[in-house]
């Protein structure tokens, strides 16, 4: 019995019924969130193991072996020069081709203009 003389469960809008209805509403969301937390923990554990594997692999690599990149850099520079040269040649070729096409179009237009023009009038005598 409480001080008011009534049992706490018998109070209007009692705590037990309210708690049960709140848990019924929030229960599925809390369960889903709990599952996501567990999955996150498992994935972080797997990630930690993978990081350890990579760390041991990197540690096992010999650090005193110098990487020979000079030859590769020279080859890349040579390829870059070749690409630049080819690009400039292609640009010049496209410009020249454009000029030729314009000149051909002009000559063709002049030729068709001459063919479609009326013949000159005979001279007056």
PDB file of N, CA and C in Angstrom:
ATOM      1  N   UNK A   1       0.827  -1.179   0.000  1.00  0.00           N
ATOM      2  CA  UNK A   1       0.000   0.000   0.000  1.00  0.00           C
ATOM      3  C   UNK A   1       0.870   1.241   0.000  1.00  0.00           C
ATOM      4  N   UNK A   2       0.445   2.220  -0.717  1.00  0.00           N
ATOM      5  CA  UNK A   2       1.166   3.479  -0.721  1.00  0.00           C
ATOM      6  C   UNK A   2       0.548   4.427   0.284  1.00  0.00           C
ATOM      7  N   UNK A   3       1.089   5.580   0.352  1.00  0.00           N
ATOM      8  CA  UNK A   3       0.617   6.571   1.319  1.00  0.00           C
ATOM      9  C   UNK A   3      -0.823   6.946   1.036  1.00  0.00           C
ATOM     10  N   UNK A   4      -1.220   7.021  -0.217  1.00  0.00           N
ATOM     11  CA  UNK A   4      -2.586   7.419  -0.558  1.00  0.00           C
ATOM     12  C   UNK A   4      -3.573   6.306  -0.307  1.00  0.00           C
ATOM     13  N   UNK A   5      -3.120   5.131   0.002  1.00  0.00           N
ATOM     14  CA  UNK A   5      -4.010   4.026   0.304  1.00  0.00           C
ATOM     15  C   UNK A   5      -4.302   3.155  -0.895  1.00  0.00           C
ATOM     16  N   UNK A   6      -3.786   3.504  -2.108  1.00  0.00           N
ATOM     17  CA  UNK A   6      -4.043   2.701  -3.304  1.00  0.00           C
ATOM     18  C   UNK A   6      -2.738   2.094  -3.771  1.00  0.00           C
ATOM     19  N   UNK A   7      -2.838   0.934  -4.404  1.00  0.00           N
ATOM     20  CA  UNK A   7      -1.661   0.279  -4.957  1.00  0.00           C
ATOM     21  C   UNK A   7      -1.173   1.082  -6.160  1.00  0.00           C
ATOM     22  N   UNK A   8       0.137   1.178  -6.393  1.00  0.00           N
ATOM     23  CA  UNK A   8       0.675   2.004  -7.472  1.00  0.00           C
ATOM     24  C   UNK A   8       0.235   1.510  -8.837  1.00  0.00           C
ATOM     25  N   UNK A   9      -0.051   0.214  -8.998  1.00  0.00           N
ATOM     26  CA  UNK A   9      -0.507  -0.310 -10.282  1.00  0.00           C
ATOM     27  C   UNK A   9      -1.958   0.068 -10.551  1.00  0.00           C
ATOM     28  N   UNK A  10      -2.713   0.394  -9.530  1.00  0.00           N
ATOM     29  CA  UNK A  10      -4.119   0.718  -9.695  1.00  0.00           C
ATOM     30  C   UNK A  10      -4.350   2.188 -10.010  1.00  0.00           C
ATOM     31  N   UNK A  11      -3.310   2.993 -10.019  1.00  0.00           N
ATOM     32  CA  UNK A  11      -3.438   4.418 -10.266  1.00  0.00           C
ATOM     33  C   UNK A  11      -3.841   4.611 -11.731  1.00  0.00           C
ATOM     34  N   UNK A  12      -4.724   5.579 -11.991  1.00  0.00           N
ATOM     35  CA  UNK A  12      -5.192   5.848 -13.345  1.00  0.00           C
ATOM     36  C   UNK A  12      -3.990   6.227 -14.192  1.00  0.00           C
ATOM     37  N   UNK A  13      -3.868   5.609 -15.377  1.00  0.00           N
ATOM     38  CA  UNK A  13      -2.707   5.835 -16.236  1.00  0.00           C
ATOM     39  C   UNK A  13      -1.470   5.277 -15.570  1.00  0.00           C
ATOM     40  N   UNK A  14      -1.596   4.125 -14.958  1.00  0.00           N
ATOM     41  CA  UNK A  14      -0.541   3.522 -14.142  1.00  0.00           C
ATOM     42  C   UNK A  14       0.755   3.322 -14.886  1.00  0.00           C
ATOM     43  N   UNK A  15       1.813   3.229 -14.137  1.00  0.00           N
ATOM     44  CA  UNK A  15       3.152   3.145 -14.685  1.00  0.00           C
ATOM     45  C   UNK A  15       3.414   1.876 -15.457  1.00  0.00           C
ATOM     46  N   UNK A  16       2.878   0.747 -15.024  1.00  0.00           N
ATOM     47  CA  UNK A  16       3.177  -0.528 -15.679  1.00  0.00           C
ATOM     48  C   UNK A  16       2.585  -0.569 -17.082  1.00  0.00           C
ATOM     49  N   UNK A  17       1.356  -0.128 -17.248  1.00  0.00           N
ATOM     50  CA  UNK A  17       0.726  -0.142 -18.559  1.00  0.00           C
ATOM     51  C   UNK A  17       1.410   0.842 -19.501  1.00  0.00           C
ATOM     52  N   UNK A  18       1.770   1.995 -18.981  1.00  0.00           N
ATOM     53  CA  UNK A  18       2.462   3.003 -19.781  1.00  0.00           C
ATOM     54  C   UNK A  18       3.834   2.492 -20.227  1.00  0.00           C
ATOM     55  N   UNK A  19       4.556   1.861 -19.317  1.00  0.00           N
ATOM     56  CA  UNK A  19       5.876   1.317 -19.638  1.00  0.00           C
ATOM     57  C   UNK A  19       5.762   0.211 -20.678  1.00  0.00           C
ATOM     58  N   UNK A  20       4.729  -0.645 -20.533  1.00  0.00           N
ATOM     59  CA  UNK A  20       4.532  -1.724 -21.506  1.00  0.00           C
ATOM     60  C   UNK A  20       4.218  -1.170 -22.892  1.00  0.00           C
ATOM     61  N   UNK A  21       3.396  -0.135 -22.962  1.00  0.00           N
ATOM     62  CA  UNK A  21       3.052   0.425 -24.269  1.00  0.00           C
ATOM     63  C   UNK A  21       4.253   1.151 -24.893  1.00  0.00           C
ATOM     64  N   UNK A  22       5.045   1.823 -24.081  1.00  0.00           N
ATOM     65  CA  UNK A  22       6.256   2.479 -24.605  1.00  0.00           C
ATOM     66  C   UNK A  22       7.234   1.432 -25.119  1.00  0.00           C
ATOM     67  N   UNK A  23       7.406   0.345 -24.366  1.00  0.00           N
ATOM     68  CA  UNK A  23       8.322  -0.716 -24.809  1.00  0.00           C
ATOM     69  C   UNK A  23       7.806  -1.407 -26.074  1.00  0.00           C
ATOM     70  N   UNK A  24       6.487  -1.501 -26.207  1.00  0.00           N
ATOM     71  CA  UNK A  24       5.926  -2.107 -27.420  1.00  0.00           C
ATOM     72  C   UNK A  24       6.214  -1.236 -28.632  1.00  0.00           C
ATOM     73  N   UNK A  25       6.233   0.074 -28.436  1.00  0.00           N
ATOM     74  CA  UNK A  25       6.500   0.989 -29.538  1.00  0.00           C
ATOM     75  C   UNK A  25       7.992   1.048 -29.843  1.00  0.00           C
ATOM     76  N   UNK A  26       8.804   1.164 -28.809  1.00  0.00           N
ATOM     77  CA  UNK A  26      10.240   1.351 -28.994  1.00  0.00           C
ATOM     78  C   UNK A  26      11.028   0.045 -29.083  1.00  0.00           C
ATOM     79  N   UNK A  27      10.429  -1.065 -28.707  1.00  0.00           N
ATOM     80  CA  UNK A  27      11.130  -2.352 -28.674  1.00  0.00           C
ATOM     81  C   UNK A  27      11.766  -2.751 -29.993  1.00  0.00           C
ATOM     82  N   UNK A  28      11.023  -2.723 -31.121  1.00  0.00           N
ATOM     83  CA  UNK A  28      11.632  -3.116 -32.401  1.00  0.00           C
ATOM     84  C   UNK A  28      12.786  -2.202 -32.813  1.00  0.00           C
ATOM     85  N   UNK A  29      12.640  -0.906 -32.554  1.00  0.00           N
ATOM     86  CA  UNK A  29      13.719   0.019 -32.920  1.00  0.00           C
ATOM     87  C   UNK A  29      14.959  -0.243 -32.083  1.00  0.00           C
ATOM     88  N   UNK A  30      14.760  -0.508 -30.802  1.00  0.00           N
ATOM     89  CA  UNK A  30      15.901  -0.796 -29.922  1.00  0.00           C
ATOM     90  C   UNK A  30      16.563  -2.104 -30.323  1.00  0.00           C
ATOM     91  N   UNK A  31      15.760  -3.110 -30.688  1.00  0.00           N
ATOM     92  CA  UNK A  31      16.331  -4.394 -31.125  1.00  0.00           C
ATOM     93  C   UNK A  31      17.155  -4.217 -32.401  1.00  0.00           C
ATOM     94  N   UNK A  32      16.618  -3.446 -33.343  1.00  0.00           N
ATOM     95  CA  UNK A  32      17.351  -3.213 -34.600  1.00  0.00           C
ATOM     96  C   UNK A  32      18.648  -2.459 -34.330  1.00  0.00           C
ATOM     97  N   UNK A  33      18.594  -1.475 -33.451  1.00  0.00           N
ATOM     98  CA  UNK A  33      19.789  -0.712 -33.112  1.00  0.00           C
ATOM     99  C   UNK A  33      20.821  -1.594 -32.419  1.00  0.00           C
ATOM    100  N   UNK A  34      20.359  -2.490 -31.556  1.00  0.00           N
ATOM    101  CA  UNK A  34      21.261  -3.410 -30.861  1.00  0.00           C
ATOM    102  C   UNK A  34      21.944  -4.342 -31.856  1.00  0.00           C
ATOM    103  N   UNK A  35      21.186  -4.832 -32.852  1.00  0.00           N
ATOM    104  CA  UNK A  35      21.778  -5.695 -33.883  1.00  0.00           C
ATOM    105  C   UNK A  35      22.835  -4.945 -34.685  1.00  0.00           C
ATOM    106  N   UNK A  36      22.552  -3.674 -35.015  1.00  0.00           N
ATOM    107  CA  UNK A  36      23.525  -2.877 -35.768  1.00  0.00           C
ATOM    108  C   UNK A  36      24.785  -2.635 -34.954  1.00  0.00           C
ATOM    109  N   UNK A  37      24.637  -2.420 -33.650  1.00  0.00           N
ATOM    110  CA  UNK A  37      25.809  -2.227 -32.788  1.00  0.00           C
ATOM    111  C   UNK A  37      26.649  -3.498 -32.763  1.00  0.00           C
ATOM    112  N   UNK A  38      25.994  -4.649 -32.658  1.00  0.00           N
ATOM    113  CA  UNK A  38      26.735  -5.915 -32.651  1.00  0.00           C
ATOM    114  C   UNK A  38      27.451  -6.148 -33.986  1.00  0.00           C
ATOM    115  N   UNK A  39      26.764  -5.857 -35.091  1.00  0.00           N
ATOM    116  CA  UNK A  39      27.401  -6.010 -36.402  1.00  0.00           C
ATOM    117  C   UNK A  39      28.589  -5.067 -36.545  1.00  0.00           C
ATOM    118  N   UNK A  40      28.461  -3.862 -36.025  1.00  0.00           N
ATOM    119  CA  UNK A  40      29.569  -2.902 -36.081  1.00  0.00           C
ATOM    120  C   UNK A  40      30.753  -3.407 -35.275  1.00  0.00           C
ATOM    121  N   UNK A  41      30.483  -3.964 -34.110  1.00  0.00           N
ATOM    122  CA  UNK A  41      31.576  -4.517 -33.292  1.00  0.00           C
ATOM    123  C   UNK A  41      32.295  -5.647 -34.021  1.00  0.00           C
ATOM    124  N   UNK A  42      31.505  -6.528 -34.652  1.00  0.00           N
ATOM    125  CA  UNK A  42      32.120  -7.638 -35.391  1.00  0.00           C
ATOM    126  C   UNK A  42      32.954  -7.121 -36.563  1.00  0.00           C
ATOM    127  N   UNK A  43      32.425  -6.145 -37.296  1.00  0.00           N
ATOM    128  CA  UNK A  43      33.172  -5.633 -38.443  1.00  0.00           C
ATOM    129  C   UNK A  43      34.433  -4.904 -37.999  1.00  0.00           C
ATOM    130  N   UNK A  44      34.367  -4.196 -36.865  1.00  0.00           N
ATOM    131  CA  UNK A  44      35.566  -3.527 -36.371  1.00  0.00           C
ATOM    132  C   UNK A  44      36.602  -4.526 -35.882  1.00  0.00           C
ATOM    133  N   UNK A  45      36.154  -5.634 -35.331  1.00  0.00           N
ATOM    134  CA  UNK A  45      37.090  -6.687 -34.931  1.00  0.00           C
ATOM    135  C   UNK A  45      37.781  -7.281 -36.156  1.00  0.00           C
ATOM    136  N   UNK A  46      36.987  -7.532 -37.216  1.00  0.00           N
ATOM    137  CA  UNK A  46      37.568  -8.063 -38.455  1.00  0.00           C
ATOM    138  C   UNK A  46      38.518  -7.049 -39.078  1.00  0.00           C
ATOM    139  N   UNK A  47      38.143  -5.770 -39.032  1.00  0.00           N
ATOM    140  CA  UNK A  47      39.014  -4.727 -39.567  1.00  0.00           C
ATOM    141  C   UNK A  47      40.309  -4.642 -38.781  1.00  0.00           C
ATOM    142  N   UNK A  48      40.229  -4.745 -37.475  1.00  0.00           N
ATOM    143  CA  UNK A  48      41.438  -4.730 -36.647  1.00  0.00           C
ATOM    144  C   UNK A  48      42.367  -5.886 -36.987  1.00  0.00           C
ATOM    145  N   UNK A  49      41.783  -7.067 -37.223  1.00  0.00           N
ATOM    146  CA  UNK A  49      42.603  -8.225 -37.595  1.00  0.00           C
ATOM    147  C   UNK A  49      43.269  -8.000 -38.939  1.00  0.00           C
ATOM    148  N   UNK A  50      42.526  -7.435 -39.894  1.00  0.00           N
ATOM    149  CA  UNK A  50      43.081  -7.165 -41.230  1.00  0.00           C
ATOM    150  C   UNK A  50      44.194  -6.118 -41.157  1.00  0.00           C
ATOM    151  N   UNK A  51      43.999  -5.111 -40.313  1.00  0.00           N
ATOM    152  CA  UNK A  51      45.043  -4.092 -40.136  1.00  0.00           C
ATOM    153  C   UNK A  51      46.308  -4.722 -39.559  1.00  0.00           C
ATOM    154  N   UNK A  52      46.146  -5.637 -38.634  1.00  0.00           N
ATOM    155  CA  UNK A  52      47.311  -6.329 -38.064  1.00  0.00           C
ATOM    156  C   UNK A  52      48.034  -7.150 -39.128  1.00  0.00           C
ATOM    157  N   UNK A  53      47.258  -7.830 -39.998  1.00  0.00           N
ATOM    158  CA  UNK A  53      47.881  -8.604 -41.080  1.00  0.00           C
ATOM    159  C   UNK A  53      48.690  -7.704 -42.006  1.00  0.00           C
ATOM    160  N   UNK A  54      48.112  -6.591 -42.399  1.00  0.00           N
ATOM    161  CA  UNK A  54      48.805  -5.666 -43.296  1.00  0.00           C
ATOM    162  C   UNK A  54      50.024  -5.070 -42.600  1.00  0.00           C
ATOM    163  N   UNK A  55      49.875  -4.785 -41.325  1.00  0.00           N
ATOM    164  CA  UNK A  55      50.989  -4.218 -40.558  1.00  0.00           C
ATOM    165  C   UNK A  55      52.160  -5.193 -40.498  1.00  0.00           C
ATOM    166  N   UNK A  56      51.883  -6.466 -40.251  1.00  0.00           N
ATOM    167  CA  UNK A  56      52.972  -7.452 -40.216  1.00  0.00           C
ATOM    168  C   UNK A  56      53.575  -7.643 -41.602  1.00  0.00           C
ATOM    169  N   UNK A  57      52.750  -7.560 -42.641  1.00  0.00           N
ATOM    170  CA  UNK A  57      53.275  -7.681 -44.004  1.00  0.00           C
ATOM    171  C   UNK A  57      54.201  -6.525 -44.321  1.00  0.00           C
ATOM    172  N   UNK A  58      53.795  -5.324 -43.945  1.00  0.00           N
ATOM    173  CA  UNK A  58      54.646  -4.155 -44.194  1.00  0.00           C
ATOM    174  C   UNK A  58      55.923  -4.240 -43.375  1.00  0.00           C
ATOM    175  N   UNK A  59      55.811  -4.714 -42.148  1.00  0.00           N
ATOM    176  CA  UNK A  59      57.002  -4.832 -41.298  1.00  0.00           C
ATOM    177  C   UNK A  59      57.973  -5.867 -41.844  1.00  0.00           C
ATOM    178  N   UNK A  60      57.451  -6.879 -42.549  1.00  0.00           N
ATOM    179  CA  UNK A  60      58.332  -7.921 -43.077  1.00  0.00           C
ATOM    180  C   UNK A  60      59.052  -7.494 -44.353  1.00  0.00           C
ATOM    181  N   UNK A  61      58.617  -6.415 -44.980  1.00  0.00           N
ATOM    182  CA  UNK A  61      59.291  -5.930 -46.185  1.00  0.00           C
ATOM    183  C   UNK A  61      60.662  -5.372 -45.812  1.00  0.00           C
ATOM    184  N   UNK A  62      61.650  -5.671 -46.617  1.00  0.00           N
ATOM    185  CA  UNK A  62      62.977  -5.127 -46.310  1.00  0.00           C
ATOM    186  C   UNK A  62      63.006  -3.617 -46.549  1.00  0.00           C
ATOM    187  N   UNK A  63      63.447  -2.892 -45.557  1.00  0.00           N
ATOM    188  CA  UNK A  63      63.452  -1.436 -45.671  1.00  0.00           C
ATOM    189  C   UNK A  63      64.755  -0.907 -46.250  1.00  0.00           C
ATOM    190  N   UNK A  64      65.788  -1.729 -46.308  1.00  0.00           N
ATOM    191  CA  UNK A  64      67.069  -1.253 -46.817  1.00  0.00           C
ATOM    192  C   UNK A  64      67.191  -1.379 -48.333  1.00  0.00           C
ATOM    193  N   UNK A  65      66.228  -2.019 -48.996  1.00  0.00           N
ATOM    194  CA  UNK A  65      66.278  -2.162 -50.447  1.00  0.00           C
ATOM    195  C   UNK A  65      65.770  -0.871 -51.079  1.00  0.00           C
ATOM    196  N   UNK A  66      66.634  -0.168 -51.816  1.00  0.00           N
ATOM    197  CA  UNK A  66      66.180   1.069 -52.449  1.00  0.00           C
ATOM    198  C   UNK A  66      65.301   0.752 -53.658  1.00  0.00           C
ATOM    199  N   UNK A  67      64.355   1.569 -53.875  1.00  0.00           N
ATOM    200  CA  UNK A  67      63.476   1.410 -55.028  1.00  0.00           C
ATOM    201  C   UNK A  67      64.114   2.126 -56.211  1.00  0.00           C
ATOM    202  N   UNK A  68      64.276   1.396 -57.303  1.00  0.00           N
ATOM    203  CA  UNK A  68      64.863   1.965 -58.511  1.00  0.00           C
ATOM    204  C   UNK A  68      63.756   2.584 -59.344  1.00  0.00           C
ATOM    205  N   UNK A  69      63.579   3.865 -59.185  1.00  0.00           N
ATOM    206  CA  UNK A  69      62.529   4.543 -59.930  1.00  0.00           C
ATOM    207  C   UNK A  69      63.099   5.465 -60.997  1.00  0.00           C
ATOM    208  N   UNK A  70      64.402   5.650 -61.004  1.00  0.00           N
ATOM    209  CA  UNK A  70      65.006   6.555 -61.982  1.00  0.00           C
ATOM    210  C   UNK A  70      64.751   6.092 -63.410  1.00  0.00           C
ATOM    211  N   UNK A  71      64.921   4.796 -63.645  1.00  0.00           N
ATOM    212  CA  UNK A  71      64.683   4.273 -64.997  1.00  0.00           C
ATOM    213  C   UNK A  71      63.225   4.463 -65.397  1.00  0.00           C
ATOM    214  N   UNK A  72      62.341   4.207 -64.487  1.00  0.00           N
ATOM    215  CA  UNK A  72      60.922   4.339 -64.782  1.00  0.00           C
ATOM    216  C   UNK A  72      60.564   5.801 -65.037  1.00  0.00           C
ATOM    217  N   UNK A  73      61.156   6.694 -64.267  1.00  0.00           N
ATOM    218  CA  UNK A  73      60.888   8.120 -64.451  1.00  0.00           C
ATOM    219  C   UNK A  73      61.401   8.575 -65.815  1.00  0.00           C
ATOM    220  N   UNK A  74      62.581   8.116 -66.197  1.00  0.00           N
ATOM    221  CA  UNK A  74      63.105   8.470 -67.524  1.00  0.00           C
ATOM    222  C   UNK A  74      62.200   7.948 -68.627  1.00  0.00           C
ATOM    223  N   UNK A  75      61.728   6.728 -68.487  1.00  0.00           N
ATOM    224  CA  UNK A  75      60.821   6.166 -69.496  1.00  0.00           C
ATOM    225  C   UNK A  75      59.524   6.970 -69.574  1.00  0.00           C
ATOM    226  N   UNK A  76      58.999   7.346 -68.410  1.00  0.00           N
ATOM    227  CA  UNK A  76      57.773   8.144 -68.407  1.00  0.00           C
ATOM    228  C   UNK A  76      57.990   9.508 -69.050  1.00  0.00           C
ATOM    229  N   UNK A  77      59.139  10.128 -68.772  1.00  0.00           N
ATOM    230  CA  UNK A  77      59.449  11.419 -69.395  1.00  0.00           C
ATOM    231  C   UNK A  77      59.559  11.283 -70.908  1.00  0.00           C
ATOM    232  N   UNK A  78      60.212  10.206 -71.354  1.00  0.00           N
ATOM    233  CA  UNK A  78      60.348   9.960 -72.787  1.00  0.00           C
ATOM    234  C   UNK A  78      58.979   9.753 -73.428  1.00  0.00           C
ATOM    235  N   UNK A  79      58.133   8.988 -72.778  1.00  0.00           N
ATOM    236  CA  UNK A  79      56.777   8.775 -73.302  1.00  0.00           C
ATOM    237  C   UNK A  79      55.995  10.081 -73.337  1.00  0.00           C
ATOM    238  N   UNK A  80      56.179  10.913 -72.322  1.00  0.00           N
ATOM    239  CA  UNK A  80      55.484  12.206 -72.296  1.00  0.00           C
ATOM    240  C   UNK A  80      55.934  13.082 -73.454  1.00  0.00           C
ATOM    241  N   UNK A  81      57.245  13.097 -73.736  1.00  0.00           N
ATOM    242  CA  UNK A  81      57.749  13.869 -74.880  1.00  0.00           C
ATOM    243  C   UNK A  81      57.171  13.344 -76.185  1.00  0.00           C
ATOM    244  N   UNK A  82      57.100  12.034 -76.331  1.00  0.00           N
ATOM    245  CA  UNK A  82      56.533  11.455 -77.548  1.00  0.00           C
ATOM    246  C   UNK A  82      55.057  11.815 -77.712  1.00  0.00           C
ATOM    247  N   UNK A  83      54.324  11.744 -76.626  1.00  0.00           N
ATOM    248  CA  UNK A  83      52.901  12.083 -76.678  1.00  0.00           C
ATOM    249  C   UNK A  83      52.733  13.555 -77.035  1.00  0.00           C
ATOM    250  N   UNK A  84      53.544  14.425 -76.437  1.00  0.00           N
ATOM    251  CA  UNK A  84      53.457  15.856 -76.750  1.00  0.00           C
ATOM    252  C   UNK A  84      53.788  16.124 -78.215  1.00  0.00           C
ATOM    253  N   UNK A  85      54.824  15.447 -78.717  1.00  0.00           N
ATOM    254  CA  UNK A  85      55.214  15.616 -80.110  1.00  0.00           C
ATOM    255  C   UNK A  85      54.102  15.133 -81.045  1.00  0.00           C
ATOM    256  N   UNK A  86      53.553  13.980 -80.746  1.00  0.00           N
ATOM    257  CA  UNK A  86      52.461  13.449 -81.572  1.00  0.00           C
ATOM    258  C   UNK A  86      51.247  14.368 -81.521  1.00  0.00           C
ATOM    259  N   UNK A  87      50.975  14.901 -80.347  1.00  0.00           N
ATOM    260  CA  UNK A  87      49.835  15.803 -80.207  1.00  0.00           C
ATOM    261  C   UNK A  87      50.026  17.062 -81.040  1.00  0.00           C
ATOM    262  N   UNK A  88      51.213  17.645 -80.993  1.00  0.00           N
ATOM    263  CA  UNK A  88      51.450  18.859 -81.780  1.00  0.00           C
ATOM    264  C   UNK A  88      51.382  18.554 -83.278  1.00  0.00           C
ATOM    265  N   UNK A  89      51.882  17.400 -83.690  1.00  0.00           N
ATOM    266  CA  UNK A  89      51.791  17.014 -85.102  1.00  0.00           C
ATOM    267  C   UNK A  89      50.334  16.835 -85.520  1.00  0.00           C
ATOM    268  N   UNK A  90      49.541  16.214 -84.661  1.00  0.00           N
ATOM    269  CA  UNK A  90      48.131  16.023 -84.987  1.00  0.00           C
ATOM    270  C   UNK A  90      47.398  17.361 -85.088  1.00  0.00           C
ATOM    271  N   UNK A  91      47.716  18.288 -84.202  1.00  0.00           N
ATOM    272  CA  UNK A  91      47.080  19.601 -84.253  1.00  0.00           C
ATOM    273  C   UNK A  91      47.434  20.294 -85.566  1.00  0.00           C
ATOM    274  N   UNK A  92      48.722  20.251 -85.952  1.00  0.00           N
ATOM    275  CA  UNK A  92      49.141  20.869 -87.208  1.00  0.00           C
ATOM    276  C   UNK A  92      48.456  20.192 -88.395  1.00  0.00           C
ATOM    277  N   UNK A  93      48.350  18.885 -88.340  1.00  0.00           N
ATOM    278  CA  UNK A  93      47.710  18.142 -89.421  1.00  0.00           C
ATOM    279  C   UNK A  93      46.225  18.493 -89.540  1.00  0.00           C
ATOM    280  N   UNK A  94      45.553  18.617 -88.421  1.00  0.00           N
ATOM    281  CA  UNK A  94      44.135  18.976 -88.441  1.00  0.00           C
ATOM    282  C   UNK A  94      43.957  20.385 -88.986  1.00  0.00           C
ATOM    283  N   UNK A  95      44.830  21.313 -88.598  1.00  0.00           N
ATOM    284  CA  UNK A  95      44.755  22.678 -89.142  1.00  0.00           C
ATOM    285  C   UNK A  95      44.948  22.680 -90.655  1.00  0.00           C
ATOM    286  N   UNK A  96      45.955  21.958 -91.103  1.00  0.00           N
ATOM    287  CA  UNK A  96      46.226  21.893 -92.539  1.00  0.00           C
ATOM    288  C   UNK A  96      45.060  21.265 -93.291  1.00  0.00           C
ATOM    289  N   UNK A  97      44.501  20.208 -92.731  1.00  0.00           N
ATOM    290  CA  UNK A  97      43.356  19.544 -93.357  1.00  0.00           C
ATOM    291  C   UNK A  97      42.161  20.488 -93.426  1.00  0.00           C
ATOM    292  N   UNK A  98      41.956  21.277 -92.404  1.00  0.00           N
ATOM    293  CA  UNK A  98      40.865  22.245 -92.413  1.00  0.00           C
ATOM    294  C   UNK A  98      41.048  23.290 -93.497  1.00  0.00           C
ATOM    295  N   UNK A  99      42.288  23.781 -93.650  1.00  0.00           N
ATOM    296  CA  UNK A  99      42.561  24.764 -94.719  1.00  0.00           C
ATOM    297  C   UNK A  99      42.307  24.144 -96.082  1.00  0.00           C
ATOM    298  N   UNK A 100      42.766  22.907 -96.281  1.00  0.00           N
ATOM    299  CA  UNK A 100      42.544  22.235 -97.569  1.00  0.00           C
ATOM    300  C   UNK A 100      41.053  22.058 -97.855  1.00  0.00           C
ATOM    301  N   UNK A 101      40.294  21.673 -96.841  1.00  0.00           N
ATOM    302  CA  UNK A 101      38.861  21.495 -97.044  1.00  0.00           C
ATOM    303  C   UNK A 101      38.183  22.822 -97.398  1.00  0.00           C
ATOM    304  N   UNK A 102      38.583  23.907 -96.744  1.00  0.00           N
ATOM    305  CA  UNK A 102      38.005  25.206 -97.078  1.00  0.00           C
ATOM    306  C   UNK A 102      38.358  25.617 -98.501  1.00  0.00           C
ATOM    307  N   UNK A 103      39.608  25.378 -98.909  1.00  0.00           N
ATOM    308  CA  UNK A 103      40.018  25.749-100.262  1.00  0.00           C
ATOM    309  C   UNK A 103      39.274  24.911-101.302  1.00  0.00           C
ATOM    310  N   UNK A 104      39.111  23.633-101.029  1.00  0.00           N
ATOM    311  CA  UNK A 104      38.361  22.767-101.947  1.00  0.00           C
ATOM    312  C   UNK A 104      36.920  23.249-102.051  1.00  0.00           C
ATOM    313  N   UNK A 105      36.324  23.624-100.930  1.00  0.00           N
ATOM    314  CA  UNK A 105      34.946  24.108-100.949  1.00  0.00           C
ATOM    315  C   UNK A 105      34.841  25.399-101.751  1.00  0.00           C
ATOM    316  N   UNK A 106      35.843  26.291-101.615  1.00  0.00           N
ATOM    317  CA  UNK A 106      35.828  27.544-102.388  1.00  0.00           C
ATOM    318  C   UNK A 106      35.909  27.260-103.883  1.00  0.00           C
ATOM    319  N   UNK A 107      36.843  26.366-104.277  1.00  0.00           N
ATOM    320  CA  UNK A 107      36.999  26.039-105.693  1.00  0.00           C
ATOM    321  C   UNK A 107      35.740  25.375-106.240  1.00  0.00           C
ATOM    322  N   UNK A 108      35.148  24.510-105.468  1.00  0.00           N
ATOM    323  CA  UNK A 108      33.929  23.831-105.908  1.00  0.00           C
ATOM    324  C   UNK A 108      32.800  24.849-106.084  1.00  0.00           C
ATOM    325  N   UNK A 109      32.698  25.772-105.155  1.00  0.00           N
ATOM    326  CA  UNK A 109      31.664  26.805-105.248  1.00  0.00           C
ATOM    327  C   UNK A 109      31.896  27.688-106.480  1.00  0.00           C
ATOM    328  N   UNK A 110      33.153  28.059-106.715  1.00  0.00           N
ATOM    329  CA  UNK A 110      33.457  28.885-107.884  1.00  0.00           C
ATOM    330  C   UNK A 110      33.144  28.124-109.169  1.00  0.00           C
ATOM    331  N   UNK A 111      33.462  26.844-109.208  1.00  0.00           N
ATOM    332  CA  UNK A 111      33.218  26.026-110.396  1.00  0.00           C
ATOM    333  C   UNK A 111      31.718  25.889-110.646  1.00  0.00           C
ATOM    334  N   UNK A 112      30.948  25.607-109.611  1.00  0.00           N
ATOM    335  CA  UNK A 112      29.499  25.474-109.807  1.00  0.00           C
ATOM    336  C   UNK A 112      28.878  26.823-110.138  1.00  0.00           C
ATOM    337  N   UNK A 113      29.455  27.904-109.668  1.00  0.00           N
ATOM    338  CA  UNK A 113      28.957  29.238-109.978  1.00  0.00           C
ATOM    339  C   UNK A 113      29.178  29.535-111.466  1.00  0.00           C
ATOM    340  N   UNK A 114      30.347  29.128-111.963  1.00  0.00           N
ATOM    341  CA  UNK A 114      30.634  29.333-113.387  1.00  0.00           C
ATOM    342  C   UNK A 114      29.717  28.483-114.258  1.00  0.00           C
ATOM    343  N   UNK A 115      29.394  27.256-113.833  1.00  0.00           N
ATOM    344  CA  UNK A 115      28.538  26.376-114.620  1.00  0.00           C
ATOM    345  C   UNK A 115      27.099  26.858-114.638  1.00  0.00           C
ATOM    346  N   UNK A 116      26.637  27.430-113.553  1.00  0.00           N
ATOM    347  CA  UNK A 116      25.232  27.846-113.467  1.00  0.00           C
ATOM    348  C   UNK A 116      25.013  29.278-113.929  1.00  0.00           C
ATOM    349  N   UNK A 117      26.083  30.022-114.163  1.00  0.00           N
ATOM    350  CA  UNK A 117      25.933  31.416-114.618  1.00  0.00           C
ATOM    351  C   UNK A 117      25.479  31.419-116.069  1.00  0.00           C
ATOM    352  N   UNK A 118      24.659  32.393-116.448  1.00  0.00           N
ATOM    353  CA  UNK A 118      24.247  32.470-117.861  1.00  0.00           C
ATOM    354  C   UNK A 118      25.443  32.792-118.740  1.00  0.00           C
ATOM    355  N   UNK A 119      25.427  32.343-119.991  1.00  0.00           N
ATOM    356  CA  UNK A 119      26.547  32.622-120.873  1.00  0.00           C
ATOM    357  C   UNK A 119      26.615  34.130-121.145  1.00  0.00           C
ATOM    358  N   UNK A 120      27.782  34.612-121.410  1.00  0.00           N
ATOM    359  CA  UNK A 120      27.926  36.061-121.683  1.00  0.00           C
ATOM    360  C   UNK A 120      27.211  36.416-122.984  1.00  0.00           C
ATOM    361  N   UNK A 121      26.763  37.635-123.063  1.00  0.00           N
ATOM    362  CA  UNK A 121      26.057  38.106-124.264  1.00  0.00           C
ATOM    363  C   UNK A 121      27.082  38.274-125.394  1.00  0.00           C
ATOM    364  N   UNK A 122      26.647  38.002-126.616  1.00  0.00           N
ATOM    365  CA  UNK A 122      27.590  38.159-127.730  1.00  0.00           C
ATOM    366  C   UNK A 122      27.926  39.650-127.910  1.00  0.00           C
ATOM    367  N   UNK A 123      29.107  39.916-128.395  1.00  0.00           N
ATOM    368  CA  UNK A 123      29.489  41.319-128.578  1.00  0.00           C
ATOM    369  C   UNK A 123      28.642  41.979-129.664  1.00  0.00           C
ATOM    370  N   UNK A 124      28.378  43.234-129.470  1.00  0.00           N
ATOM    371  CA  UNK A 124      27.583  43.978-130.445  1.00  0.00           C
ATOM    372  C   UNK A 124      28.491  44.459-131.541  1.00  0.00           C
ATOM    373  N   UNK A 125      28.044  44.340-132.809  1.00  0.00           N
ATOM    374  CA  UNK A 125      28.847  44.772-133.937  1.00  0.00           C
ATOM    375  C   UNK A 125      28.152  45.776-134.713  1.00  0.00           C
TER     376      UNK A 125
END
